[in-house]
Amino acid sequence: MKTLFVLATIAFAVLFSCRTTAQEMVKEPSTEKSFPAEIKITYGGQEHALKLTGLTVRKKFIIKVYAVAHYMEGSLPAGMKEALQEVLTDGKAKQLTMDFSRDVSVEQIQGAYRDGFKENATAEELKAIQPVIDKFLAYFTREVKENDQFILRWLPGGVIIPIIAGDEKPPLVDKTFARVLWSIWFGDDSIVDRDKLIKR
């Protein structure tokens, strides 16, 4: 009898765990791509717990390119302006996860990032971070395939870690570069509906 009780308890725990996991996935409605509501990342021996702040879709004209989810440690201020400022400030671990809905060439990826850096940095900033931009762009060496994922992590101290289709690249360390990179999605000239990225 005791054995049956233990087995039943274990079965319930497993079932509850599966249900909890399912409930923690959040779907981007336009692409139907799903993302976990919470993630944990480790860097330099320190673990960071991040929560989903929002998700949206990147479109080029009417073509859906990728669904993107943003994660961050702690909580965001209530006001939109304050929340955006917090996202663009170094100090808390953050992550952007992009799940692609179509194939994209290397030239298109690099070109899109070049444009994003130019539109979100001053001339002085662009000149200062150009060597870091060049290293970053050199990480993109193959065509993106549908359902590939790109992950960008921003750790305290201006540390950017790109993970391209599961391949983690060497960190890039520059606070200005990190802020300008994040501004592609959260700046005044955002390439997406940035409000949706902090909606949660």
N, C-alpha and C. Protein backbone atom coordinates (compact mmCIF):
# COMPACT_ATOMS: atom_id res chain seq x y z
N MET A 1 0.83 -1.21 0.00
CA MET A 1 0.00 0.00 0.00
C MET A 1 0.87 1.26 0.00
N LYS A 2 1.90 1.22 0.82
CA LYS A 2 2.81 2.36 0.92
C LYS A 2 3.52 2.60 -0.41
N THR A 3 3.90 1.50 -1.08
CA THR A 3 4.57 1.60 -2.38
C THR A 3 3.65 2.25 -3.40
N LEU A 4 2.37 1.84 -3.40
CA LEU A 4 1.39 2.41 -4.32
C LEU A 4 1.22 3.90 -4.09
N PHE A 5 1.20 4.29 -2.82
CA PHE A 5 1.05 5.70 -2.46
C PHE A 5 2.23 6.52 -2.97
N VAL A 6 3.44 5.98 -2.81
CA VAL A 6 4.65 6.66 -3.27
C VAL A 6 4.63 6.81 -4.78
N LEU A 7 4.26 5.72 -5.48
CA LEU A 7 4.20 5.76 -6.94
C LEU A 7 3.17 6.77 -7.42
N ALA A 8 2.03 6.80 -6.74
CA ALA A 8 0.97 7.75 -7.11
C ALA A 8 1.43 9.19 -6.89
N THR A 9 2.16 9.41 -5.81
CA THR A 9 2.68 10.75 -5.51
C THR A 9 3.68 11.19 -6.58
N ILE A 10 4.56 10.27 -6.97
CA ILE A 10 5.55 10.58 -8.01
C ILE A 10 4.86 10.89 -9.33
N ALA A 11 3.86 10.07 -9.69
CA ALA A 11 3.13 10.26 -10.94
C ALA A 11 2.44 11.62 -10.95
N PHE A 12 1.84 11.99 -9.82
CA PHE A 12 1.17 13.30 -9.72
C PHE A 12 2.18 14.43 -9.87
N ALA A 13 3.33 14.26 -9.24
CA ALA A 13 4.37 15.30 -9.29
C ALA A 13 4.86 15.49 -10.73
N VAL A 14 5.06 14.39 -11.45
CA VAL A 14 5.51 14.46 -12.83
C VAL A 14 4.46 15.13 -13.69
N LEU A 15 3.18 14.73 -13.49
CA LEU A 15 2.08 15.31 -14.26
C LEU A 15 1.96 16.80 -13.98
N PHE A 16 2.07 17.17 -12.71
CA PHE A 16 1.98 18.59 -12.33
C PHE A 16 3.13 19.38 -12.92
N SER A 17 4.33 18.77 -12.92
CA SER A 17 5.51 19.43 -13.48
C SER A 17 5.32 19.69 -14.97
N CYS A 18 4.80 18.69 -15.70
CA CYS A 18 4.57 18.85 -17.13
C CYS A 18 3.54 19.93 -17.40
N ARG A 19 2.49 19.96 -16.57
CA ARG A 19 1.45 20.96 -16.75
C ARG A 19 1.99 22.36 -16.48
N THR A 20 2.81 22.46 -15.43
CA THR A 20 3.40 23.75 -15.10
C THR A 20 4.28 24.26 -16.23
N THR A 21 5.10 23.34 -16.79
CA THR A 21 5.98 23.71 -17.89
C THR A 21 5.18 24.22 -19.08
N ALA A 22 4.07 23.51 -19.38
CA ALA A 22 3.23 23.90 -20.51
C ALA A 22 2.63 25.28 -20.29
N GLN A 23 2.23 25.56 -19.07
CA GLN A 23 1.62 26.85 -18.75
C GLN A 23 2.64 27.99 -18.85
N GLU A 24 3.91 27.67 -18.73
CA GLU A 24 4.93 28.71 -18.72
C GLU A 24 5.42 29.09 -20.12
N MET A 25 4.87 28.47 -21.16
CA MET A 25 5.20 28.85 -22.53
C MET A 25 4.25 29.94 -23.00
N VAL A 26 4.80 30.96 -23.66
CA VAL A 26 3.99 32.08 -24.14
C VAL A 26 4.14 32.16 -25.66
N LYS A 27 3.01 32.28 -26.36
CA LYS A 27 3.02 32.24 -27.82
C LYS A 27 2.94 33.65 -28.41
N GLU A 28 3.79 33.90 -29.41
CA GLU A 28 3.69 35.13 -30.20
C GLU A 28 2.63 34.85 -31.27
N PRO A 29 1.49 35.54 -31.22
CA PRO A 29 0.34 35.15 -32.04
C PRO A 29 0.53 35.25 -33.55
N SER A 30 1.33 36.20 -34.01
CA SER A 30 1.49 36.39 -35.45
C SER A 30 2.24 35.23 -36.11
N THR A 31 3.29 34.73 -35.44
CA THR A 31 4.11 33.65 -35.98
C THR A 31 3.79 32.30 -35.35
N GLU A 32 3.08 32.33 -34.21
CA GLU A 32 2.78 31.13 -33.42
C GLU A 32 4.04 30.48 -32.86
N LYS A 33 5.09 31.26 -32.71
CA LYS A 33 6.31 30.78 -32.05
C LYS A 33 6.12 30.89 -30.53
N SER A 34 6.57 29.87 -29.81
CA SER A 34 6.40 29.86 -28.36
C SER A 34 7.73 30.04 -27.63
N PHE A 35 7.67 30.76 -26.52
CA PHE A 35 8.85 31.07 -25.72
C PHE A 35 8.55 30.81 -24.24
N PRO A 36 9.54 30.35 -23.46
CA PRO A 36 9.31 30.16 -22.02
C PRO A 36 9.11 31.49 -21.31
N ALA A 37 8.29 31.48 -20.27
CA ALA A 37 8.01 32.70 -19.51
C ALA A 37 9.18 33.10 -18.62
N GLU A 38 10.02 32.12 -18.26
CA GLU A 38 11.19 32.38 -17.43
C GLU A 38 12.37 31.56 -17.93
N ILE A 39 13.56 32.12 -17.80
CA ILE A 39 14.77 31.40 -18.16
C ILE A 39 15.84 31.66 -17.09
N LYS A 40 16.84 30.79 -17.04
CA LYS A 40 17.99 30.99 -16.16
C LYS A 40 19.25 30.88 -16.99
N ILE A 41 20.17 31.80 -16.79
CA ILE A 41 21.44 31.77 -17.50
C ILE A 41 22.57 31.90 -16.48
N THR A 42 23.70 31.32 -16.82
CA THR A 42 24.86 31.37 -15.92
C THR A 42 26.04 31.98 -16.66
N TYR A 43 26.73 32.91 -16.00
CA TYR A 43 27.92 33.52 -16.58
C TYR A 43 28.88 33.89 -15.46
N GLY A 44 30.13 33.51 -15.62
CA GLY A 44 31.14 33.82 -14.61
C GLY A 44 30.84 33.21 -13.26
N GLY A 45 30.18 32.04 -13.27
CA GLY A 45 29.85 31.37 -12.02
C GLY A 45 28.63 31.92 -11.31
N GLN A 46 27.96 32.91 -11.92
CA GLN A 46 26.78 33.52 -11.31
C GLN A 46 25.54 33.21 -12.13
N GLU A 47 24.49 32.79 -11.45
CA GLU A 47 23.23 32.46 -12.13
C GLU A 47 22.29 33.65 -12.11
N HIS A 48 21.64 33.88 -13.23
CA HIS A 48 20.68 34.98 -13.36
C HIS A 48 19.32 34.41 -13.73
N ALA A 49 18.28 34.80 -13.00
CA ALA A 49 16.91 34.40 -13.31
C ALA A 49 16.23 35.55 -14.04
N LEU A 50 15.77 35.28 -15.26
CA LEU A 50 15.17 36.30 -16.10
C LEU A 50 13.71 35.97 -16.40
N LYS A 51 12.89 37.00 -16.46
CA LYS A 51 11.48 36.83 -16.79
C LYS A 51 11.18 37.50 -18.13
N LEU A 52 10.22 36.93 -18.84
CA LEU A 52 9.79 37.47 -20.12
C LEU A 52 9.14 38.83 -19.91
N THR A 53 9.66 39.86 -20.59
CA THR A 53 9.05 41.19 -20.48
C THR A 53 8.07 41.44 -21.63
N GLY A 54 8.20 40.67 -22.71
CA GLY A 54 7.29 40.84 -23.83
C GLY A 54 7.82 40.14 -25.06
N LEU A 55 6.98 40.10 -26.09
CA LEU A 55 7.39 39.49 -27.35
C LEU A 55 6.61 40.10 -28.50
N THR A 56 7.22 40.07 -29.68
CA THR A 56 6.60 40.66 -30.86
C THR A 56 7.20 40.01 -32.11
N VAL A 57 6.90 40.59 -33.26
CA VAL A 57 7.39 40.03 -34.52
C VAL A 57 8.14 41.10 -35.30
N ARG A 58 9.21 40.69 -35.96
CA ARG A 58 9.96 41.58 -36.86
C ARG A 58 9.46 41.32 -38.27
N LYS A 59 8.96 42.38 -38.91
CA LYS A 59 8.48 42.27 -40.28
C LYS A 59 9.32 43.14 -41.20
N LYS A 60 9.51 42.69 -42.40
CA LYS A 60 10.13 43.49 -43.46
C LYS A 60 9.04 43.68 -44.50
N PHE A 61 8.50 44.90 -44.53
CA PHE A 61 7.29 45.16 -45.31
C PHE A 61 6.17 44.29 -44.72
N ILE A 62 5.66 43.30 -45.44
CA ILE A 62 4.61 42.45 -44.88
C ILE A 62 5.12 41.05 -44.55
N ILE A 63 6.41 40.83 -44.79
CA ILE A 63 6.99 39.50 -44.57
C ILE A 63 7.45 39.35 -43.12
N LYS A 64 7.01 38.28 -42.48
CA LYS A 64 7.42 37.98 -41.11
C LYS A 64 8.82 37.36 -41.14
N VAL A 65 9.77 38.03 -40.49
CA VAL A 65 11.15 37.54 -40.49
C VAL A 65 11.42 36.66 -39.27
N TYR A 66 11.09 37.16 -38.08
CA TYR A 66 11.28 36.36 -36.87
C TYR A 66 10.39 36.87 -35.74
N ALA A 67 10.08 35.97 -34.82
CA ALA A 67 9.46 36.35 -33.56
C ALA A 67 10.58 36.63 -32.58
N VAL A 68 10.39 37.63 -31.74
CA VAL A 68 11.45 37.99 -30.79
C VAL A 68 10.86 38.14 -29.39
N ALA A 69 11.55 37.55 -28.42
CA ALA A 69 11.16 37.64 -27.02
C ALA A 69 12.28 38.32 -26.24
N HIS A 70 11.90 39.13 -25.26
CA HIS A 70 12.90 39.81 -24.42
C HIS A 70 12.73 39.39 -22.97
N TYR A 71 13.87 39.14 -22.32
CA TYR A 71 13.90 38.72 -20.92
C TYR A 71 14.79 39.67 -20.12
N MET A 72 14.48 39.78 -18.82
CA MET A 72 15.28 40.66 -17.97
C MET A 72 15.16 40.25 -16.51
N GLU A 73 16.23 40.51 -15.76
CA GLU A 73 16.22 40.29 -14.31
C GLU A 73 15.33 41.32 -13.64
N GLY A 74 14.71 40.92 -12.53
CA GLY A 74 13.95 41.87 -11.73
C GLY A 74 12.68 42.32 -12.43
N SER A 75 12.20 43.49 -12.03
CA SER A 75 10.96 44.02 -12.60
C SER A 75 11.23 45.38 -13.25
N LEU A 76 10.34 45.76 -14.16
CA LEU A 76 10.46 47.04 -14.85
C LEU A 76 9.60 48.10 -14.19
N PRO A 77 9.99 49.37 -14.27
CA PRO A 77 9.12 50.45 -13.78
C PRO A 77 7.80 50.46 -14.54
N ALA A 78 6.78 51.06 -13.93
CA ALA A 78 5.44 51.05 -14.52
C ALA A 78 5.35 51.93 -15.77
N GLY A 79 6.02 53.07 -15.76
CA GLY A 79 5.93 53.99 -16.90
C GLY A 79 6.70 53.49 -18.11
N MET A 80 6.17 53.75 -19.31
CA MET A 80 6.80 53.30 -20.54
C MET A 80 8.19 53.90 -20.71
N LYS A 81 8.31 55.20 -20.50
CA LYS A 81 9.60 55.88 -20.67
C LYS A 81 10.63 55.32 -19.69
N GLU A 82 10.22 55.14 -18.45
CA GLU A 82 11.13 54.64 -17.42
C GLU A 82 11.52 53.18 -17.70
N ALA A 83 10.56 52.40 -18.19
CA ALA A 83 10.83 50.99 -18.50
C ALA A 83 11.85 50.87 -19.63
N LEU A 84 11.68 51.68 -20.67
CA LEU A 84 12.62 51.65 -21.80
C LEU A 84 14.01 52.08 -21.36
N GLN A 85 14.07 53.08 -20.50
CA GLN A 85 15.36 53.56 -19.99
C GLN A 85 16.05 52.46 -19.18
N GLU A 86 15.27 51.72 -18.40
CA GLU A 86 15.82 50.63 -17.59
C GLU A 86 16.38 49.52 -18.49
N VAL A 87 15.65 49.19 -19.56
CA VAL A 87 16.08 48.16 -20.48
C VAL A 87 17.40 48.54 -21.15
N LEU A 88 17.58 49.82 -21.44
CA LEU A 88 18.77 50.29 -22.15
C LEU A 88 19.92 50.68 -21.22
N THR A 89 19.78 50.36 -19.94
CA THR A 89 20.82 50.68 -18.95
C THR A 89 21.56 49.42 -18.54
N ASP A 90 22.87 49.50 -18.49
CA ASP A 90 23.69 48.36 -18.08
C ASP A 90 23.48 48.06 -16.59
N GLY A 91 23.58 46.79 -16.22
CA GLY A 91 23.51 46.44 -14.80
C GLY A 91 22.69 45.20 -14.51
N LYS A 92 21.64 44.95 -15.30
CA LYS A 92 20.82 43.76 -15.12
C LYS A 92 20.99 42.84 -16.33
N ALA A 93 20.99 41.54 -16.07
CA ALA A 93 21.10 40.58 -17.17
C ALA A 93 19.84 40.64 -18.03
N LYS A 94 20.04 40.58 -19.36
CA LYS A 94 18.93 40.63 -20.30
C LYS A 94 19.19 39.64 -21.42
N GLN A 95 18.14 39.28 -22.14
CA GLN A 95 18.31 38.39 -23.29
C GLN A 95 17.24 38.67 -24.34
N LEU A 96 17.67 38.65 -25.59
CA LEU A 96 16.77 38.69 -26.74
C LEU A 96 16.86 37.33 -27.42
N THR A 97 15.72 36.71 -27.66
CA THR A 97 15.67 35.44 -28.37
C THR A 97 14.87 35.63 -29.64
N MET A 98 15.49 35.35 -30.78
CA MET A 98 14.83 35.48 -32.08
C MET A 98 14.64 34.11 -32.69
N ASP A 99 13.41 33.80 -33.07
CA ASP A 99 13.07 32.53 -33.70
C ASP A 99 12.60 32.83 -35.13
N PHE A 100 13.38 32.40 -36.11
CA PHE A 100 13.16 32.84 -37.49
C PHE A 100 12.01 32.10 -38.17
N SER A 101 11.27 32.85 -38.98
CA SER A 101 10.13 32.31 -39.73
C SER A 101 10.45 32.12 -41.20
N ARG A 102 11.64 32.51 -41.61
CA ARG A 102 12.04 32.38 -43.01
C ARG A 102 13.55 32.30 -43.11
N ASP A 103 14.05 31.90 -44.28
CA ASP A 103 15.49 31.90 -44.53
C ASP A 103 15.98 33.32 -44.77
N VAL A 104 17.17 33.61 -44.29
CA VAL A 104 17.77 34.95 -44.47
C VAL A 104 19.24 34.77 -44.82
N SER A 105 19.72 35.48 -45.81
CA SER A 105 21.11 35.35 -46.24
C SER A 105 22.06 36.07 -45.28
N VAL A 106 23.34 35.70 -45.36
CA VAL A 106 24.36 36.35 -44.54
C VAL A 106 24.39 37.85 -44.84
N GLU A 107 24.30 38.19 -46.13
CA GLU A 107 24.34 39.61 -46.53
C GLU A 107 23.17 40.39 -45.94
N GLN A 108 22.01 39.77 -45.90
CA GLN A 108 20.83 40.43 -45.33
C GLN A 108 20.98 40.63 -43.83
N ILE A 109 21.51 39.63 -43.14
CA ILE A 109 21.71 39.73 -41.69
C ILE A 109 22.71 40.84 -41.37
N GLN A 110 23.86 40.79 -42.01
CA GLN A 110 24.90 41.79 -41.74
C GLN A 110 24.43 43.19 -42.13
N GLY A 111 23.74 43.29 -43.25
CA GLY A 111 23.23 44.59 -43.69
C GLY A 111 22.22 45.17 -42.72
N ALA A 112 21.34 44.32 -42.20
CA ALA A 112 20.33 44.78 -41.24
C ALA A 112 20.98 45.29 -39.96
N TYR A 113 22.00 44.58 -39.48
CA TYR A 113 22.69 45.03 -38.27
C TYR A 113 23.47 46.32 -38.53
N ARG A 114 24.13 46.43 -39.67
CA ARG A 114 24.85 47.66 -40.00
C ARG A 114 23.91 48.86 -39.97
N ASP A 115 22.75 48.70 -40.60
CA ASP A 115 21.76 49.78 -40.61
C ASP A 115 21.30 50.10 -39.20
N GLY A 116 21.08 49.05 -38.40
CA GLY A 116 20.62 49.25 -37.03
C GLY A 116 21.62 50.02 -36.19
N PHE A 117 22.90 49.71 -36.33
CA PHE A 117 23.93 50.44 -35.58
C PHE A 117 24.01 51.90 -36.02
N LYS A 118 23.93 52.14 -37.32
CA LYS A 118 24.00 53.51 -37.84
C LYS A 118 22.83 54.36 -37.36
N GLU A 119 21.65 53.75 -37.29
CA GLU A 119 20.45 54.50 -36.92
C GLU A 119 20.33 54.74 -35.42
N ASN A 120 21.08 54.02 -34.62
CA ASN A 120 20.92 54.12 -33.16
C ASN A 120 22.16 54.61 -32.42
N ALA A 121 23.18 55.00 -33.16
CA ALA A 121 24.40 55.54 -32.53
C ALA A 121 24.71 56.90 -33.12
N THR A 122 25.32 57.77 -32.32
CA THR A 122 25.81 59.03 -32.84
C THR A 122 27.06 58.73 -33.69
N ALA A 123 27.49 59.72 -34.45
CA ALA A 123 28.69 59.54 -35.28
C ALA A 123 29.90 59.19 -34.42
N GLU A 124 30.01 59.84 -33.26
CA GLU A 124 31.13 59.59 -32.36
C GLU A 124 31.06 58.18 -31.79
N GLU A 125 29.86 57.77 -31.37
CA GLU A 125 29.69 56.42 -30.83
C GLU A 125 29.99 55.36 -31.88
N LEU A 126 29.50 55.60 -33.09
CA LEU A 126 29.70 54.63 -34.16
C LEU A 126 31.19 54.43 -34.46
N LYS A 127 31.92 55.53 -34.47
CA LYS A 127 33.37 55.45 -34.72
C LYS A 127 34.07 54.69 -33.60
N ALA A 128 33.65 54.94 -32.35
CA ALA A 128 34.30 54.30 -31.20
C ALA A 128 34.03 52.80 -31.14
N ILE A 129 32.83 52.39 -31.51
CA ILE A 129 32.48 50.96 -31.37
C ILE A 129 32.63 50.17 -32.68
N GLN A 130 33.11 50.82 -33.74
CA GLN A 130 33.22 50.14 -35.03
C GLN A 130 34.04 48.84 -34.96
N PRO A 131 35.17 48.81 -34.24
CA PRO A 131 35.91 47.55 -34.14
C PRO A 131 35.09 46.42 -33.51
N VAL A 132 34.26 46.76 -32.53
CA VAL A 132 33.42 45.75 -31.89
C VAL A 132 32.31 45.31 -32.85
N ILE A 133 31.75 46.26 -33.58
CA ILE A 133 30.73 45.94 -34.59
C ILE A 133 31.30 44.97 -35.62
N ASP A 134 32.51 45.24 -36.07
CA ASP A 134 33.15 44.37 -37.07
C ASP A 134 33.30 42.94 -36.55
N LYS A 135 33.70 42.81 -35.29
CA LYS A 135 33.83 41.47 -34.69
C LYS A 135 32.47 40.78 -34.61
N PHE A 136 31.46 41.55 -34.22
CA PHE A 136 30.10 41.03 -34.10
C PHE A 136 29.59 40.53 -35.46
N LEU A 137 29.74 41.35 -36.49
CA LEU A 137 29.26 40.97 -37.82
C LEU A 137 29.99 39.75 -38.37
N ALA A 138 31.25 39.60 -37.98
CA ALA A 138 32.04 38.45 -38.45
C ALA A 138 31.52 37.13 -37.87
N TYR A 139 30.70 37.18 -36.83
CA TYR A 139 30.12 35.97 -36.27
C TYR A 139 29.06 35.36 -37.18
N PHE A 140 28.52 36.16 -38.11
CA PHE A 140 27.44 35.68 -38.97
C PHE A 140 28.05 35.21 -40.29
N THR A 141 28.22 33.90 -40.41
CA THR A 141 28.96 33.36 -41.54
C THR A 141 28.13 32.40 -42.40
N ARG A 142 26.89 32.13 -41.98
CA ARG A 142 26.08 31.21 -42.79
C ARG A 142 24.63 31.69 -42.84
N GLU A 143 23.93 31.25 -43.84
CA GLU A 143 22.53 31.61 -44.05
C GLU A 143 21.68 31.13 -42.87
N VAL A 144 20.73 31.96 -42.50
CA VAL A 144 19.77 31.57 -41.47
C VAL A 144 18.69 30.72 -42.12
N LYS A 145 18.34 29.64 -41.47
CA LYS A 145 17.26 28.78 -41.94
C LYS A 145 16.02 28.97 -41.06
N GLU A 146 14.86 28.72 -41.65
CA GLU A 146 13.62 28.80 -40.90
C GLU A 146 13.71 27.93 -39.65
N ASN A 147 13.25 28.49 -38.53
CA ASN A 147 13.26 27.86 -37.20
C ASN A 147 14.61 27.92 -36.49
N ASP A 148 15.63 28.53 -37.12
CA ASP A 148 16.87 28.81 -36.41
C ASP A 148 16.60 29.83 -35.31
N GLN A 149 17.39 29.77 -34.24
CA GLN A 149 17.26 30.76 -33.17
C GLN A 149 18.57 31.53 -33.00
N PHE A 150 18.43 32.84 -32.84
CA PHE A 150 19.54 33.70 -32.45
C PHE A 150 19.27 34.17 -31.03
N ILE A 151 20.27 34.11 -30.18
CA ILE A 151 20.15 34.61 -28.81
C ILE A 151 21.24 35.64 -28.57
N LEU A 152 20.83 36.78 -28.03
CA LEU A 152 21.78 37.82 -27.62
C LEU A 152 21.62 38.02 -26.12
N ARG A 153 22.71 37.88 -25.38
CA ARG A 153 22.68 38.10 -23.93
C ARG A 153 23.50 39.33 -23.57
N TRP A 154 22.92 40.16 -22.71
CA TRP A 154 23.61 41.35 -22.22
C TRP A 154 23.79 41.15 -20.72
N LEU A 155 25.02 40.88 -20.30
CA LEU A 155 25.34 40.69 -18.89
C LEU A 155 25.93 41.97 -18.31
N PRO A 156 25.83 42.17 -17.00
CA PRO A 156 26.38 43.37 -16.38
C PRO A 156 27.84 43.61 -16.76
N GLY A 157 28.16 44.88 -17.01
CA GLY A 157 29.51 45.25 -17.42
C GLY A 157 29.64 45.42 -18.92
N GLY A 158 28.49 45.43 -19.63
CA GLY A 158 28.52 45.60 -21.08
C GLY A 158 28.97 44.36 -21.82
N VAL A 159 28.73 43.19 -21.24
CA VAL A 159 29.13 41.92 -21.86
C VAL A 159 28.01 41.43 -22.77
N ILE A 160 28.30 41.26 -24.05
CA ILE A 160 27.34 40.72 -25.00
C ILE A 160 27.80 39.34 -25.44
N ILE A 161 26.91 38.36 -25.29
CA ILE A 161 27.21 36.99 -25.73
C ILE A 161 26.21 36.59 -26.80
N PRO A 162 26.64 36.48 -28.05
CA PRO A 162 25.75 35.99 -29.11
C PRO A 162 25.78 34.46 -29.18
N ILE A 163 24.61 33.87 -29.33
CA ILE A 163 24.50 32.42 -29.54
C ILE A 163 23.72 32.24 -30.84
N ILE A 164 24.42 31.83 -31.89
CA ILE A 164 23.84 31.79 -33.23
C ILE A 164 23.56 30.34 -33.61
N ALA A 165 22.27 30.01 -33.69
CA ALA A 165 21.85 28.65 -34.02
C ALA A 165 22.57 27.62 -33.14
N GLY A 166 22.64 27.92 -31.84
CA GLY A 166 23.23 27.02 -30.87
C GLY A 166 24.73 27.14 -30.69
N ASP A 167 25.37 27.98 -31.49
CA ASP A 167 26.83 28.16 -31.43
C ASP A 167 27.17 29.42 -30.64
N GLU A 168 27.67 29.24 -29.42
CA GLU A 168 27.99 30.39 -28.57
C GLU A 168 29.32 31.01 -29.00
N LYS A 169 29.28 32.30 -29.25
CA LYS A 169 30.45 33.04 -29.72
C LYS A 169 31.18 33.70 -28.55
N PRO A 170 32.46 34.08 -28.74
CA PRO A 170 33.20 34.76 -27.68
C PRO A 170 32.52 36.07 -27.28
N PRO A 171 32.55 36.41 -26.00
CA PRO A 171 31.90 37.63 -25.53
C PRO A 171 32.51 38.89 -26.14
N LEU A 172 31.67 39.90 -26.31
CA LEU A 172 32.09 41.23 -26.73
C LEU A 172 31.80 42.16 -25.55
N VAL A 173 32.81 42.91 -25.11
CA VAL A 173 32.64 43.72 -23.91
C VAL A 173 32.79 45.19 -24.24
N ASP A 174 31.66 45.90 -24.24
CA ASP A 174 31.65 47.34 -24.49
C ASP A 174 30.25 47.86 -24.15
N LYS A 175 30.16 48.72 -23.13
CA LYS A 175 28.85 49.19 -22.67
C LYS A 175 28.10 49.99 -23.74
N THR A 176 28.83 50.80 -24.49
CA THR A 176 28.18 51.58 -25.54
C THR A 176 27.65 50.67 -26.63
N PHE A 177 28.46 49.70 -27.04
CA PHE A 177 28.03 48.73 -28.04
C PHE A 177 26.78 48.00 -27.57
N ALA A 178 26.76 47.57 -26.31
CA ALA A 178 25.61 46.84 -25.77
C ALA A 178 24.35 47.69 -25.84
N ARG A 179 24.46 48.95 -25.43
CA ARG A 179 23.28 49.82 -25.44
C ARG A 179 22.78 50.08 -26.86
N VAL A 180 23.71 50.34 -27.78
CA VAL A 180 23.32 50.61 -29.16
C VAL A 180 22.70 49.36 -29.79
N LEU A 181 23.26 48.19 -29.49
CA LEU A 181 22.71 46.94 -30.00
C LEU A 181 21.27 46.77 -29.53
N TRP A 182 21.02 46.95 -28.25
CA TRP A 182 19.67 46.80 -27.70
C TRP A 182 18.73 47.88 -28.25
N SER A 183 19.28 49.03 -28.59
CA SER A 183 18.46 50.13 -29.13
C SER A 183 17.84 49.78 -30.48
N ILE A 184 18.42 48.81 -31.18
CA ILE A 184 17.83 48.37 -32.46
C ILE A 184 16.39 47.94 -32.24
N TRP A 185 16.11 47.35 -31.07
CA TRP A 185 14.75 46.91 -30.75
C TRP A 185 14.04 47.85 -29.77
N PHE A 186 14.81 48.60 -28.98
CA PHE A 186 14.18 49.41 -27.92
C PHE A 186 14.39 50.92 -28.09
N GLY A 187 15.11 51.34 -29.10
CA GLY A 187 15.35 52.77 -29.31
C GLY A 187 14.17 53.45 -29.99
N ASP A 188 14.32 54.75 -30.23
CA ASP A 188 13.26 55.54 -30.87
C ASP A 188 12.99 55.07 -32.29
N ASP A 189 14.00 54.50 -32.95
CA ASP A 189 13.84 53.99 -34.32
C ASP A 189 13.75 52.46 -34.33
N SER A 190 13.08 51.91 -33.33
CA SER A 190 12.98 50.45 -33.20
C SER A 190 12.46 49.79 -34.47
N ILE A 191 13.00 48.62 -34.79
CA ILE A 191 12.57 47.88 -35.98
C ILE A 191 11.33 47.04 -35.71
N VAL A 192 10.85 47.04 -34.46
CA VAL A 192 9.64 46.29 -34.08
C VAL A 192 8.73 47.21 -33.25
N ASP A 193 7.60 46.68 -32.83
CA ASP A 193 6.73 47.39 -31.90
C ASP A 193 7.33 47.22 -30.51
N ARG A 194 8.15 48.17 -30.10
CA ARG A 194 8.90 48.01 -28.85
C ARG A 194 8.00 47.96 -27.62
N ASP A 195 6.83 48.58 -27.71
CA ASP A 195 5.91 48.54 -26.57
C ASP A 195 5.53 47.11 -26.21
N LYS A 196 5.40 46.26 -27.24
CA LYS A 196 5.03 44.87 -26.98
C LYS A 196 6.15 44.10 -26.29
N LEU A 197 7.40 44.58 -26.46
CA LEU A 197 8.54 43.90 -25.84
C LEU A 197 8.65 44.18 -24.33
N ILE A 198 7.86 45.14 -23.84
CA ILE A 198 7.86 45.39 -22.41
C ILE A 198 6.43 45.35 -21.85
N LYS A 199 5.54 44.79 -22.64
CA LYS A 199 4.12 44.78 -22.29
C LYS A 199 3.82 43.97 -21.04
N ARG A 200 4.58 42.90 -20.79
CA ARG A 200 4.30 42.03 -19.65
C ARG A 200 4.84 42.60 -18.35
